[in-house]
Structure formats: C-alpha cells, structure tokens
Full PDB file with SEQRES, HELIX, SHEET, SSBOND, CRYST1, ORIGX, SCALE, CONECT and MASTER records, all heavy atoms in Angstrom:
SEQRES   1 A   45  LEU VAL GLU PRO GLU PRO GLY SER MET ALA ALA LEU VAL          
SEQRES   2 A   45  LEU THR SER PRO TYR HIS LEU VAL THR ALA GLU ARG ASP          
SEQRES   3 A   45  ALA PHE GLN PRO GLY GLY SER LEU LEU PHE THR PHE VAL          
SEQRES   4 A   45  ASP GLN HIS ASP ASN THR                                      
HELIX    1 AA1 ARG A   25  ALA A   27  5                                   3    
CRYST1    1.000    1.000    1.000  90.00  90.00  90.00 P 1           1          
ORIGX1      1.000000  0.000000  0.000000        0.00000                         
ORIGX2      0.000000  1.000000  0.000000        0.00000                         
ORIGX3      0.000000  0.000000  1.000000        0.00000                         
SCALE1      1.000000  0.000000  0.000000        0.00000                         
SCALE2      0.000000  1.000000  0.000000        0.00000                         
SCALE3      0.000000  0.000000  1.000000        0.00000                         
ATOM      1  N   LEU A   1      30.277  -2.498  12.921  1.00  0.00           N  
ATOM      2  CA  LEU A   1      29.437  -2.325  11.797  1.00  0.00           C  
ATOM      3  C   LEU A   1      28.626  -3.598  11.579  1.00  0.00           C  
ATOM      4  O   LEU A   1      29.165  -4.720  11.714  1.00  0.00           O  
ATOM      5  CB  LEU A   1      30.253  -2.058  10.549  1.00  0.00           C  
ATOM      6  CG  LEU A   1      31.226  -0.844  10.569  1.00  0.00           C  
ATOM      7  CD1 LEU A   1      31.973  -0.758   9.284  1.00  0.00           C  
ATOM      8  CD2 LEU A   1      30.474   0.409  10.832  1.00  0.00           C  
ATOM      9  N   VAL A   2      27.374  -3.432  11.237  1.00  0.00           N  
ATOM     10  CA  VAL A   2      26.481  -4.581  10.998  1.00  0.00           C  
ATOM     11  C   VAL A   2      25.894  -4.391   9.570  1.00  0.00           C  
ATOM     12  O   VAL A   2      25.462  -3.300   9.253  1.00  0.00           O  
ATOM     13  CB  VAL A   2      25.332  -4.638  12.057  1.00  0.00           C  
ATOM     14  CG1 VAL A   2      24.375  -5.766  11.694  1.00  0.00           C  
ATOM     15  CG2 VAL A   2      25.908  -4.797  13.426  1.00  0.00           C  
ATOM     16  N   GLU A   3      25.963  -5.467   8.806  1.00  0.00           N  
ATOM     17  CA  GLU A   3      25.374  -5.489   7.451  1.00  0.00           C  
ATOM     18  C   GLU A   3      24.460  -6.707   7.372  1.00  0.00           C  
ATOM     19  O   GLU A   3      24.720  -7.723   8.012  1.00  0.00           O  
ATOM     20  CB  GLU A   3      26.476  -5.589   6.400  1.00  0.00           C  
ATOM     21  CG  GLU A   3      27.398  -4.383   6.390  1.00  0.00           C  
ATOM     22  CD  GLU A   3      28.447  -4.501   5.259  1.00  0.00           C  
ATOM     23  OE1 GLU A   3      28.507  -5.614   4.599  1.00  0.00           O  
ATOM     24  OE2 GLU A   3      29.172  -3.554   5.070  1.00  0.00           O  
ATOM     25  N   PRO A   4      23.433  -6.630   6.517  1.00  0.00           N  
ATOM     26  CA  PRO A   4      22.583  -7.802   6.365  1.00  0.00           C  
ATOM     27  C   PRO A   4      23.354  -8.906   5.683  1.00  0.00           C  
ATOM     28  O   PRO A   4      24.256  -8.643   4.867  1.00  0.00           O  
ATOM     29  CB  PRO A   4      21.435  -7.299   5.512  1.00  0.00           C  
ATOM     30  CG  PRO A   4      21.908  -6.061   4.860  1.00  0.00           C  
ATOM     31  CD  PRO A   4      22.972  -5.492   5.747  1.00  0.00           C  
ATOM     32  N   GLU A   5      23.054 -10.139   6.010  1.00  0.00           N  
ATOM     33  CA  GLU A   5      23.712 -11.301   5.362  1.00  0.00           C  
ATOM     34  C   GLU A   5      23.329 -11.329   3.884  1.00  0.00           C  
ATOM     35  O   GLU A   5      22.190 -11.020   3.505  1.00  0.00           O  
ATOM     36  CB  GLU A   5      23.210 -12.590   6.020  1.00  0.00           C  
ATOM     37  CG  GLU A   5      23.720 -12.794   7.451  1.00  0.00           C  
ATOM     38  CD  GLU A   5      25.228 -13.010   7.518  1.00  0.00           C  
ATOM     39  OE1 GLU A   5      25.783 -13.623   6.638  1.00  0.00           O  
ATOM     40  OE2 GLU A   5      25.815 -12.508   8.506  1.00  0.00           O  
ATOM     41  N   PRO A   6      24.270 -11.675   3.005  1.00  0.00           N  
ATOM     42  CA  PRO A   6      23.957 -11.780   1.591  1.00  0.00           C  
ATOM     43  C   PRO A   6      22.784 -12.745   1.357  1.00  0.00           C  
ATOM     44  O   PRO A   6      22.740 -13.822   1.917  1.00  0.00           O  
ATOM     45  CB  PRO A   6      25.229 -12.319   0.948  1.00  0.00           C  
ATOM     46  CG  PRO A   6      26.332 -11.958   1.933  1.00  0.00           C  
ATOM     47  CD  PRO A   6      25.664 -11.992   3.274  1.00  0.00           C  
ATOM     48  N   GLY A   7      21.845 -12.308   0.569  1.00  0.00           N  
ATOM     49  CA  GLY A   7      20.668 -13.128   0.241  1.00  0.00           C  
ATOM     50  C   GLY A   7      19.569 -13.121   1.301  1.00  0.00           C  
ATOM     51  O   GLY A   7      18.557 -13.723   1.114  1.00  0.00           O  
ATOM     52  N   SER A   8      19.800 -12.410   2.424  1.00  0.00           N  
ATOM     53  CA  SER A   8      18.778 -12.340   3.458  1.00  0.00           C  
ATOM     54  C   SER A   8      17.651 -11.383   3.060  1.00  0.00           C  
ATOM     55  O   SER A   8      17.836 -10.505   2.201  1.00  0.00           O  
ATOM     56  CB  SER A   8      19.378 -11.923   4.790  1.00  0.00           C  
ATOM     57  OG  SER A   8      19.843 -10.579   4.736  1.00  0.00           O  
ATOM     58  N   MET A   9      16.524 -11.554   3.675  1.00  0.00           N  
ATOM     59  CA  MET A   9      15.376 -10.633   3.469  1.00  0.00           C  
ATOM     60  C   MET A   9      15.617  -9.367   4.220  1.00  0.00           C  
ATOM     61  O   MET A   9      15.940  -9.394   5.423  1.00  0.00           O  
ATOM     62  CB  MET A   9      14.051 -11.317   3.913  1.00  0.00           C  
ATOM     63  CG  MET A   9      13.727 -12.590   3.190  1.00  0.00           C  
ATOM     64  SD  MET A   9      13.256 -12.263   1.503  1.00  0.00           S  
ATOM     65  CE  MET A   9      11.696 -11.518   1.718  1.00  0.00           C  
ATOM     66  N   ALA A  10      15.450  -8.238   3.580  1.00  0.00           N  
ATOM     67  CA  ALA A  10      15.626  -6.951   4.221  1.00  0.00           C  
ATOM     68  C   ALA A  10      14.600  -5.969   3.628  1.00  0.00           C  
ATOM     69  O   ALA A  10      14.292  -6.055   2.450  1.00  0.00           O  
ATOM     70  CB  ALA A  10      17.058  -6.398   4.017  1.00  0.00           C  
ATOM     71  N   ALA A  11      14.115  -5.127   4.506  1.00  0.00           N  
ATOM     72  CA  ALA A  11      13.131  -4.102   4.030  1.00  0.00           C  
ATOM     73  C   ALA A  11      13.798  -3.176   3.033  1.00  0.00           C  
ATOM     74  O   ALA A  11      14.928  -2.743   3.204  1.00  0.00           O  
ATOM     75  CB  ALA A  11      12.629  -3.311   5.215  1.00  0.00           C  
ATOM     76  N   LEU A  12      13.055  -2.885   1.947  1.00  0.00           N  
ATOM     77  CA  LEU A  12      13.528  -1.933   0.952  1.00  0.00           C  
ATOM     78  C   LEU A  12      13.171  -0.513   1.421  1.00  0.00           C  
ATOM     79  O   LEU A  12      12.078  -0.027   1.178  1.00  0.00           O  
ATOM     80  CB  LEU A  12      12.942  -2.222  -0.401  1.00  0.00           C  
ATOM     81  CG  LEU A  12      13.372  -3.527  -1.037  1.00  0.00           C  
ATOM     82  CD1 LEU A  12      12.607  -3.811  -2.316  1.00  0.00           C  
ATOM     83  CD2 LEU A  12      14.887  -3.508  -1.290  1.00  0.00           C  
ATOM     84  N   VAL A  13      14.094   0.080   2.142  1.00  0.00           N  
ATOM     85  CA  VAL A  13      13.845   1.385   2.740  1.00  0.00           C  
ATOM     86  C   VAL A  13      15.165   2.125   2.773  1.00  0.00           C  
ATOM     87  O   VAL A  13      16.193   1.503   3.049  1.00  0.00           O  
ATOM     88  CB  VAL A  13      13.185   1.245   4.130  1.00  0.00           C  
ATOM     89  CG1 VAL A  13      14.078   0.478   5.088  1.00  0.00           C  
ATOM     90  CG2 VAL A  13      12.827   2.585   4.722  1.00  0.00           C  
ATOM     91  N   LEU A  14      15.124   3.415   2.522  1.00  0.00           N  
ATOM     92  CA  LEU A  14      16.352   4.191   2.617  1.00  0.00           C  
ATOM     93  C   LEU A  14      16.692   4.504   4.051  1.00  0.00           C  
ATOM     94  O   LEU A  14      15.867   5.026   4.795  1.00  0.00           O  
ATOM     95  CB  LEU A  14      16.185   5.522   1.851  1.00  0.00           C  
ATOM     96  CG  LEU A  14      17.416   6.395   1.739  1.00  0.00           C  
ATOM     97  CD1 LEU A  14      18.530   5.658   0.992  1.00  0.00           C  
ATOM     98  CD2 LEU A  14      17.099   7.685   1.020  1.00  0.00           C  
ATOM     99  N   THR A  15      17.879   4.105   4.518  1.00  0.00           N  
ATOM    100  CA  THR A  15      18.334   4.342   5.894  1.00  0.00           C  
ATOM    101  C   THR A  15      19.693   5.043   5.861  1.00  0.00           C  
ATOM    102  O   THR A  15      20.427   4.950   4.851  1.00  0.00           O  
ATOM    103  CB  THR A  15      18.429   3.031   6.698  1.00  0.00           C  
ATOM    104  OG1 THR A  15      19.400   2.190   6.067  1.00  0.00           O  
ATOM    105  CG2 THR A  15      17.110   2.312   6.731  1.00  0.00           C  
ATOM    106  N   SER A  16      20.050   5.695   6.944  1.00  0.00           N  
ATOM    107  CA  SER A  16      21.358   6.290   7.124  1.00  0.00           C  
ATOM    108  C   SER A  16      21.770   6.084   8.561  1.00  0.00           C  
ATOM    109  O   SER A  16      21.632   6.977   9.418  1.00  0.00           O  
ATOM    110  CB  SER A  16      21.328   7.780   6.794  1.00  0.00           C  
ATOM    111  OG  SER A  16      21.095   7.977   5.427  1.00  0.00           O  
ATOM    112  N   PRO A  17      22.243   4.888   8.918  1.00  0.00           N  
ATOM    113  CA  PRO A  17      22.579   4.590  10.313  1.00  0.00           C  
ATOM    114  C   PRO A  17      23.685   5.484  10.847  1.00  0.00           C  
ATOM    115  O   PRO A  17      24.623   5.858  10.133  1.00  0.00           O  
ATOM    116  CB  PRO A  17      23.071   3.126  10.248  1.00  0.00           C  
ATOM    117  CG  PRO A  17      22.477   2.594   8.976  1.00  0.00           C  
ATOM    118  CD  PRO A  17      22.415   3.751   8.037  1.00  0.00           C  
ATOM    119  N   TYR A  18      23.557   5.847  12.120  1.00  0.00           N  
ATOM    120  CA  TYR A  18      24.542   6.673  12.769  1.00  0.00           C  
ATOM    121  C   TYR A  18      24.497   6.384  14.272  1.00  0.00           C  
ATOM    122  O   TYR A  18      23.561   5.808  14.818  1.00  0.00           O  
ATOM    123  CB  TYR A  18      24.286   8.157  12.528  1.00  0.00           C  
ATOM    124  CG  TYR A  18      23.010   8.695  13.152  1.00  0.00           C  
ATOM    125  CD1 TYR A  18      23.015   9.255  14.422  1.00  0.00           C  
ATOM    126  CD2 TYR A  18      21.797   8.598  12.471  1.00  0.00           C  
ATOM    127  CE1 TYR A  18      21.844   9.717  14.995  1.00  0.00           C  
ATOM    128  CE2 TYR A  18      20.633   9.084  13.032  1.00  0.00           C  
ATOM    129  CZ  TYR A  18      20.660   9.638  14.277  1.00  0.00           C  
ATOM    130  OH  TYR A  18      19.510  10.082  14.864  1.00  0.00           O  
ATOM    131  N   HIS A  19      25.597   6.811  14.961  1.00  0.00           N  
ATOM    132  CA  HIS A  19      25.638   6.708  16.438  1.00  0.00           C  
ATOM    133  C   HIS A  19      26.410   7.928  16.944  1.00  0.00           C  
ATOM    134  O   HIS A  19      27.475   8.263  16.394  1.00  0.00           O  
ATOM    135  CB  HIS A  19      26.364   5.422  16.830  1.00  0.00           C  
ATOM    136  CG  HIS A  19      26.319   5.137  18.293  1.00  0.00           C  
ATOM    137  ND1 HIS A  19      27.195   4.289  18.906  1.00  0.00           N  
ATOM    138  CD2 HIS A  19      25.514   5.620  19.267  1.00  0.00           C  
ATOM    139  CE1 HIS A  19      26.950   4.232  20.211  1.00  0.00           C  
ATOM    140  NE2 HIS A  19      25.905   5.021  20.427  1.00  0.00           N  
ATOM    141  N   LEU A  20      25.842   8.591  17.923  1.00  0.00           N  
ATOM    142  CA  LEU A  20      26.455   9.787  18.515  1.00  0.00           C  
ATOM    143  C   LEU A  20      26.730   9.503  19.977  1.00  0.00           C  
ATOM    144  O   LEU A  20      25.903   8.888  20.689  1.00  0.00           O  
ATOM    145  CB  LEU A  20      25.520  10.991  18.437  1.00  0.00           C  
ATOM    146  CG  LEU A  20      24.971  11.361  17.080  1.00  0.00           C  
ATOM    147  CD1 LEU A  20      23.945  12.483  17.203  1.00  0.00           C  
ATOM    148  CD2 LEU A  20      26.090  11.783  16.146  1.00  0.00           C  
ATOM    149  N   VAL A  21      27.883   9.935  20.478  1.00  0.00           N  
ATOM    150  CA  VAL A  21      28.208   9.843  21.886  1.00  0.00           C  
ATOM    151  C   VAL A  21      28.798  11.185  22.303  1.00  0.00           C  
ATOM    152  O   VAL A  21      29.401  11.869  21.492  1.00  0.00           O  
ATOM    153  CB  VAL A  21      29.185   8.709  22.266  1.00  0.00           C  
ATOM    154  CG1 VAL A  21      28.584   7.348  21.928  1.00  0.00           C  
ATOM    155  CG2 VAL A  21      30.518   8.860  21.547  1.00  0.00           C  
ATOM    156  N   THR A  22      28.607  11.562  23.579  1.00  0.00           N  
ATOM    157  CA  THR A  22      29.247  12.760  24.086  1.00  0.00           C  
ATOM    158  C   THR A  22      30.410  12.382  24.986  1.00  0.00           C  
ATOM    159  O   THR A  22      30.402  11.310  25.560  1.00  0.00           O  
ATOM    160  CB  THR A  22      28.240  13.628  24.905  1.00  0.00           C  
ATOM    161  OG1 THR A  22      27.733  12.865  25.951  1.00  0.00           O  
ATOM    162  CG2 THR A  22      27.073  14.097  24.018  1.00  0.00           C  
ATOM    163  N   ALA A  23      31.374  13.290  25.054  1.00  0.00           N  
ATOM    164  CA  ALA A  23      32.521  13.090  25.891  1.00  0.00           C  
ATOM    165  C   ALA A  23      32.911  14.469  26.475  1.00  0.00           C  
ATOM    166  O   ALA A  23      32.746  15.494  25.829  1.00  0.00           O  
ATOM    167  CB  ALA A  23      33.699  12.504  25.114  1.00  0.00           C  
ATOM    168  N   GLU A  24      33.428  14.456  27.709  1.00  0.00           N  
ATOM    169  CA  GLU A  24      33.876  15.679  28.309  1.00  0.00           C  
ATOM    170  C   GLU A  24      35.182  16.086  27.668  1.00  0.00           C  
ATOM    171  O   GLU A  24      36.066  15.248  27.428  1.00  0.00           O  
ATOM    172  CB  GLU A  24      34.098  15.467  29.819  1.00  0.00           C  
ATOM    173  CG  GLU A  24      32.836  15.185  30.574  1.00  0.00           C  
ATOM    174  CD  GLU A  24      31.870  16.370  30.547  1.00  0.00           C  
ATOM    175  OE1 GLU A  24      32.290  17.521  30.664  1.00  0.00           O  
ATOM    176  OE2 GLU A  24      30.625  16.108  30.384  1.00  0.00           O  
ATOM    177  N   ARG A  25      35.312  17.356  27.326  1.00  0.00           N  
ATOM    178  CA  ARG A  25      36.572  17.842  26.725  1.00  0.00           C  
ATOM    179  C   ARG A  25      37.788  17.577  27.609  1.00  0.00           C  
ATOM    180  O   ARG A  25      38.874  17.284  27.128  1.00  0.00           O  
ATOM    181  CB  ARG A  25      36.460  19.350  26.436  1.00  0.00           C  
ATOM    182  CG  ARG A  25      35.552  19.687  25.275  1.00  0.00           C  
ATOM    183  CD  ARG A  25      35.504  21.180  25.006  1.00  0.00           C  
ATOM    184  NE  ARG A  25      34.609  21.443  23.913  1.00  0.00           N  
ATOM    185  CZ  ARG A  25      34.971  21.450  22.615  1.00  0.00           C  
ATOM    186  NH1 ARG A  25      36.236  21.151  22.313  1.00  0.00           N  
ATOM    187  NH2 ARG A  25      34.133  21.710  21.655  1.00  0.00           N  
ATOM    188  N   ASP A  26      37.583  17.683  28.946  1.00  0.00           N  
ATOM    189  CA  ASP A  26      38.680  17.462  29.893  1.00  0.00           C  
ATOM    190  C   ASP A  26      39.174  16.028  29.882  1.00  0.00           C  
ATOM    191  O   ASP A  26      40.267  15.731  30.415  1.00  0.00           O  
ATOM    192  CB  ASP A  26      38.230  17.818  31.321  1.00  0.00           C  
ATOM    193  CG  ASP A  26      38.024  19.312  31.479  1.00  0.00           C  
ATOM    194  OD1 ASP A  26      38.467  20.102  30.602  1.00  0.00           O  
ATOM    195  OD2 ASP A  26      37.366  19.724  32.451  1.00  0.00           O  
ATOM    196  N   ALA A  27      38.420  15.092  29.298  1.00  0.00           N  
ATOM    197  CA  ALA A  27      38.849  13.699  29.248  1.00  0.00           C  
ATOM    198  C   ALA A  27      40.005  13.510  28.278  1.00  0.00           C  
ATOM    199  O   ALA A  27      40.728  12.522  28.358  1.00  0.00           O  
ATOM    200  CB  ALA A  27      37.689  12.778  28.866  1.00  0.00           C  
ATOM    201  N   PHE A  28      40.185  14.456  27.378  1.00  0.00           N  
ATOM    202  CA  PHE A  28      41.280  14.373  26.387  1.00  0.00           C  
ATOM    203  C   PHE A  28      42.446  15.269  26.842  1.00  0.00           C  
ATOM    204  O   PHE A  28      42.390  16.487  26.741  1.00  0.00           O  
ATOM    205  CB  PHE A  28      40.728  14.834  25.008  1.00  0.00           C  
ATOM    206  CG  PHE A  28      39.626  13.957  24.508  1.00  0.00           C  
ATOM    207  CD1 PHE A  28      38.319  14.331  24.657  1.00  0.00           C  
ATOM    208  CD2 PHE A  28      39.920  12.736  23.871  1.00  0.00           C  
ATOM    209  CE1 PHE A  28      37.306  13.517  24.212  1.00  0.00           C  
ATOM    210  CE2 PHE A  28      38.897  11.934  23.429  1.00  0.00           C  
ATOM    211  CZ  PHE A  28      37.594  12.307  23.609  1.00  0.00           C  
ATOM    212  N   GLN A  29      43.456  14.581  27.389  1.00  0.00           N  
ATOM    213  CA  GLN A  29      44.627  15.298  27.910  1.00  0.00           C  
ATOM    214  C   GLN A  29      45.884  14.734  27.290  1.00  0.00           C  
ATOM    215  O   GLN A  29      46.075  13.472  27.360  1.00  0.00           O  
ATOM    216  CB  GLN A  29      44.666  15.161  29.437  1.00  0.00           C  
ATOM    217  CG  GLN A  29      43.541  15.850  30.165  1.00  0.00           C  
ATOM    218  CD  GLN A  29      43.529  17.373  29.942  1.00  0.00           C  
ATOM    219  OE1 GLN A  29      44.563  17.999  29.795  1.00  0.00           O  
ATOM    220  NE2 GLN A  29      42.346  17.944  29.942  1.00  0.00           N  
ATOM    221  N   PRO A  30      46.794  15.434  26.754  1.00  0.00           N  
ATOM    222  CA  PRO A  30      46.608  16.889  26.572  1.00  0.00           C  
ATOM    223  C   PRO A  30      45.609  17.142  25.404  1.00  0.00           C  
ATOM    224  O   PRO A  30      45.430  16.278  24.527  1.00  0.00           O  
ATOM    225  CB  PRO A  30      47.984  17.373  26.154  1.00  0.00           C  
ATOM    226  CG  PRO A  30      48.647  16.181  25.532  1.00  0.00           C  
ATOM    227  CD  PRO A  30      48.050  14.988  26.211  1.00  0.00           C  
ATOM    228  N   GLY A  31      45.035  18.295  25.428  1.00  0.00           N  
ATOM    229  CA  GLY A  31      44.112  18.703  24.361  1.00  0.00           C  
ATOM    230  C   GLY A  31      44.896  19.190  23.163  1.00  0.00           C  
ATOM    231  O   GLY A  31      45.959  18.675  22.859  1.00  0.00           O  
ATOM    232  N   GLY A  32      44.353  20.159  22.508  1.00  0.00           N  
ATOM    233  CA  GLY A  32      45.014  20.690  21.310  1.00  0.00           C  
ATOM    234  C   GLY A  32      44.502  20.011  20.060  1.00  0.00           C  
ATOM    235  O   GLY A  32      43.373  19.612  19.995  1.00  0.00           O  
ATOM    236  N   SER A  33      45.385  19.825  19.081  1.00  0.00           N  
ATOM    237  CA  SER A  33      45.007  19.214  17.827  1.00  0.00           C  
ATOM    238  C   SER A  33      45.146  17.690  17.988  1.00  0.00           C  
ATOM    239  O   SER A  33      46.274  17.185  18.126  1.00  0.00           O  
ATOM    240  CB  SER A  33      45.889  19.730  16.701  1.00  0.00           C  
ATOM    241  OG  SER A  33      45.515  19.165  15.475  1.00  0.00           O  
ATOM    242  N   LEU A  34      44.033  16.972  17.915  1.00  0.00           N  
ATOM    243  CA  LEU A  34      44.061  15.502  18.052  1.00  0.00           C  
ATOM    244  C   LEU A  34      43.591  14.849  16.765  1.00  0.00           C  
ATOM    245  O   LEU A  34      42.733  15.347  16.072  1.00  0.00           O  
ATOM    246  CB  LEU A  34      43.153  15.091  19.196  1.00  0.00           C  
ATOM    247  CG  LEU A  34      43.441  15.694  20.604  1.00  0.00           C  
ATOM    248  CD1 LEU A  34      42.401  15.227  21.585  1.00  0.00           C  
ATOM    249  CD2 LEU A  34      44.853  15.301  21.034  1.00  0.00           C  
ATOM    250  N   LEU A  35      44.190  13.716  16.487  1.00  0.00           N  
ATOM    251  CA  LEU A  35      43.776  12.927  15.293  1.00  0.00           C  
ATOM    252  C   LEU A  35      42.864  11.816  15.723  1.00  0.00           C  
ATOM    253  O   LEU A  35      43.286  10.898  16.478  1.00  0.00           O  
ATOM    254  CB  LEU A  35      45.010  12.358  14.592  1.00  0.00           C  
ATOM    255  CG  LEU A  35      44.707  11.540  13.341  1.00  0.00           C  
ATOM    256  CD1 LEU A  35      44.086  12.398  12.256  1.00  0.00           C  
ATOM    257  CD2 LEU A  35      45.984  10.879  12.827  1.00  0.00           C  
ATOM    258  N   PHE A  36      41.605  11.893  15.307  1.00  0.00           N  
ATOM    259  CA  PHE A  36      40.619  10.813  15.630  1.00  0.00           C  
ATOM    260  C   PHE A  36      40.635   9.824  14.477  1.00  0.00           C  
ATOM    261  O   PHE A  36      40.434  10.200  13.316  1.00  0.00           O  
ATOM    262  CB  PHE A  36      39.223  11.417  15.748  1.00  0.00           C  
ATOM    263  CG  PHE A  36      38.957  12.107  17.050  1.00  0.00           C  
ATOM    264  CD1 PHE A  36      39.588  13.314  17.379  1.00  0.00           C  
ATOM    265  CD2 PHE A  36      38.112  11.537  17.987  1.00  0.00           C  
ATOM    266  CE1 PHE A  36      39.362  13.958  18.606  1.00  0.00           C  
ATOM    267  CE2 PHE A  36      37.882  12.159  19.215  1.00  0.00           C  
ATOM    268  CZ  PHE A  36      38.498  13.368  19.481  1.00  0.00           C  
ATOM    269  N   THR A  37      40.933   8.557  14.809  1.00  0.00           N  
ATOM    270  CA  THR A  37      40.969   7.489  13.812  1.00  0.00           C  
ATOM    271  C   THR A  37      39.825   6.539  14.096  1.00  0.00           C  
ATOM    272  O   THR A  37      39.705   6.005  15.207  1.00  0.00           O  
ATOM    273  CB  THR A  37      42.319   6.733  13.862  1.00  0.00           C  
ATOM    274  OG1 THR A  37      43.355   7.680  13.620  1.00  0.00           O  
ATOM    275  CG2 THR A  37      42.372   5.644  12.788  1.00  0.00           C  
ATOM    276  N   PHE A  38      38.932   6.368  13.114  1.00  0.00           N  
ATOM    277  CA  PHE A  38      37.775   5.488  13.250  1.00  0.00           C  
ATOM    278  C   PHE A  38      38.108   4.120  12.604  1.00  0.00           C  
ATOM    279  O   PHE A  38      38.513   4.101  11.407  1.00  0.00           O  
ATOM    280  CB  PHE A  38      36.575   6.123  12.560  1.00  0.00           C  
ATOM    281  CG  PHE A  38      36.074   7.349  13.236  1.00  0.00           C  
ATOM    282  CD1 PHE A  38      36.726   8.586  13.049  1.00  0.00           C  
ATOM    283  CD2 PHE A  38      34.969   7.321  14.052  1.00  0.00           C  
ATOM    284  CE1 PHE A  38      36.283   9.748  13.654  1.00  0.00           C  
ATOM    285  CE2 PHE A  38      34.529   8.463  14.687  1.00  0.00           C  
ATOM    286  CZ  PHE A  38      35.183   9.668  14.515  1.00  0.00           C  
ATOM    287  N   VAL A  39      37.995   3.038  13.361  1.00  0.00           N  
ATOM    288  CA  VAL A  39      38.314   1.703  12.882  1.00  0.00           C  
ATOM    289  C   VAL A  39      37.147   0.791  13.105  1.00  0.00           C  
ATOM    290  O   VAL A  39      36.403   0.918  14.048  1.00  0.00           O  
ATOM    291  CB  VAL A  39      39.586   1.132  13.533  1.00  0.00           C  
ATOM    292  CG1 VAL A  39      40.804   1.984  13.210  1.00  0.00           C  
ATOM    293  CG2 VAL A  39      39.427   0.979  15.038  1.00  0.00           C  
ATOM    294  N   ASP A  40      36.994  -0.215  12.182  1.00  0.00           N  
ATOM    295  CA  ASP A  40      35.940  -1.185  12.383  1.00  0.00           C  
ATOM    296  C   ASP A  40      36.359  -2.332  13.240  1.00  0.00           C  
ATOM    297  O   ASP A  40      37.519  -2.374  13.729  1.00  0.00           O  
ATOM    298  CB  ASP A  40      35.353  -1.662  11.028  1.00  0.00           C  
ATOM    299  CG  ASP A  40      36.350  -2.474  10.191  1.00  0.00           C  
ATOM    300  OD1 ASP A  40      37.405  -2.865  10.733  1.00  0.00           O  
ATOM    301  OD2 ASP A  40      36.076  -2.707   9.031  1.00  0.00           O  
ATOM    302  N   GLN A  41      35.503  -3.319  13.441  1.00  0.00           N  
ATOM    303  CA  GLN A  41      35.802  -4.434  14.317  1.00  0.00           C  
ATOM    304  C   GLN A  41      36.860  -5.332  13.782  1.00  0.00           C  
ATOM    305  O   GLN A  41      37.377  -6.208  14.500  1.00  0.00           O  
ATOM    306  CB  GLN A  41      34.499  -5.217  14.655  1.00  0.00           C  
ATOM    307  CG  GLN A  41      33.831  -5.895  13.478  1.00  0.00           C  
ATOM    308  CD  GLN A  41      32.727  -5.073  12.863  1.00  0.00           C  
ATOM    309  OE1 GLN A  41      32.810  -3.877  12.795  1.00  0.00           O  
ATOM    310  NE2 GLN A  41      31.655  -5.746  12.420  1.00  0.00           N  
ATOM    311  N   HIS A  42      37.298  -5.141  12.533  1.00  0.00           N  
ATOM    312  CA  HIS A  42      38.374  -5.908  11.939  1.00  0.00           C  
ATOM    313  C   HIS A  42      39.671  -5.111  11.895  1.00  0.00           C  
ATOM    314  O   HIS A  42      40.597  -5.496  11.221  1.00  0.00           O  
ATOM    315  CB  HIS A  42      37.984  -6.399  10.540  1.00  0.00           C  
ATOM    316  CG  HIS A  42      36.673  -7.154  10.524  1.00  0.00           C  
ATOM    317  ND1 HIS A  42      36.520  -8.385  11.099  1.00  0.00           N  
ATOM    318  CD2 HIS A  42      35.496  -6.813  10.030  1.00  0.00           C  
ATOM    319  CE1 HIS A  42      35.282  -8.770  10.946  1.00  0.00           C  
ATOM    320  NE2 HIS A  42      34.613  -7.866  10.305  1.00  0.00           N  
ATOM    321  N   ASP A  43      39.675  -3.980  12.588  1.00  0.00           N  
ATOM    322  CA  ASP A  43      40.843  -3.066  12.673  1.00  0.00           C  
ATOM    323  C   ASP A  43      41.172  -2.390  11.331  1.00  0.00           C  
ATOM    324  O   ASP A  43      42.290  -1.964  11.112  1.00  0.00           O  
ATOM    325  CB  ASP A  43      42.067  -3.813  13.245  1.00  0.00           C  
ATOM    326  CG  ASP A  43      43.016  -2.860  13.917  1.00  0.00           C  
ATOM    327  OD1 ASP A  43      42.574  -1.859  14.504  1.00  0.00           O  
ATOM    328  OD2 ASP A  43      44.259  -3.067  13.837  1.00  0.00           O  
ATOM    329  N   ASN A  44      40.185  -2.244  10.460  1.00  0.00           N  
ATOM    330  CA  ASN A  44      40.339  -1.508   9.235  1.00  0.00           C  
ATOM    331  C   ASN A  44      40.080  -0.022   9.507  1.00  0.00           C  
ATOM    332  O   ASN A  44      39.069   0.313  10.132  1.00  0.00           O  
ATOM    333  CB  ASN A  44      39.350  -1.970   8.146  1.00  0.00           C  
ATOM    334  CG  ASN A  44      39.596  -3.409   7.750  1.00  0.00           C  
ATOM    335  OD1 ASN A  44      40.723  -3.781   7.511  1.00  0.00           O  
ATOM    336  ND2 ASN A  44      38.538  -4.205   7.732  1.00  0.00           N  
ATOM    337  N   THR A  45      41.003   0.838   9.067  1.00  0.00           N  
ATOM    338  CA  THR A  45      40.786   2.282   9.240  1.00  0.00           C  
ATOM    339  C   THR A  45      39.753   2.741   8.243  1.00  0.00           C  
ATOM    340  O   THR A  45      39.874   2.522   7.048  1.00  0.00           O  
ATOM    341  CB  THR A  45      42.111   3.065   9.037  1.00  0.00           C  
ATOM    342  OG1 THR A  45      43.055   2.632  10.006  1.00  0.00           O  
ATOM    343  CG2 THR A  45      41.915   4.537   9.167  1.00  0.00           C  
TER     344      THR A  45                                                      
MASTER        0    0    0    1    0    0    0    6  343    1    0    4          
END                                                                             
C-alpha cells in the first residue's frame, strides 16, 4: 500500500486504486473452499 506523505502536495481528485491479477484455478491444490487473507507490507490483516 502506498499513501502520500503527510503534508505533501497531492492532486485533489477522487481516485479508487485497485490491482487485478489472474491465476489458473489448477494452481490452487487442493481446491474447494479456500480462505484468502489479504495482508499489507507490515503483516496487518
């Protein structure tokens, strides 16, 4: 995650940052019901 530094100059514009990646279903073995946990670079869930 990247955030502007406090007090830095930033454009006043509405944004909604996102990132999409594709993965082959076969890469997840075994399949079934999987729990996806998203964590930041500081290991916060």
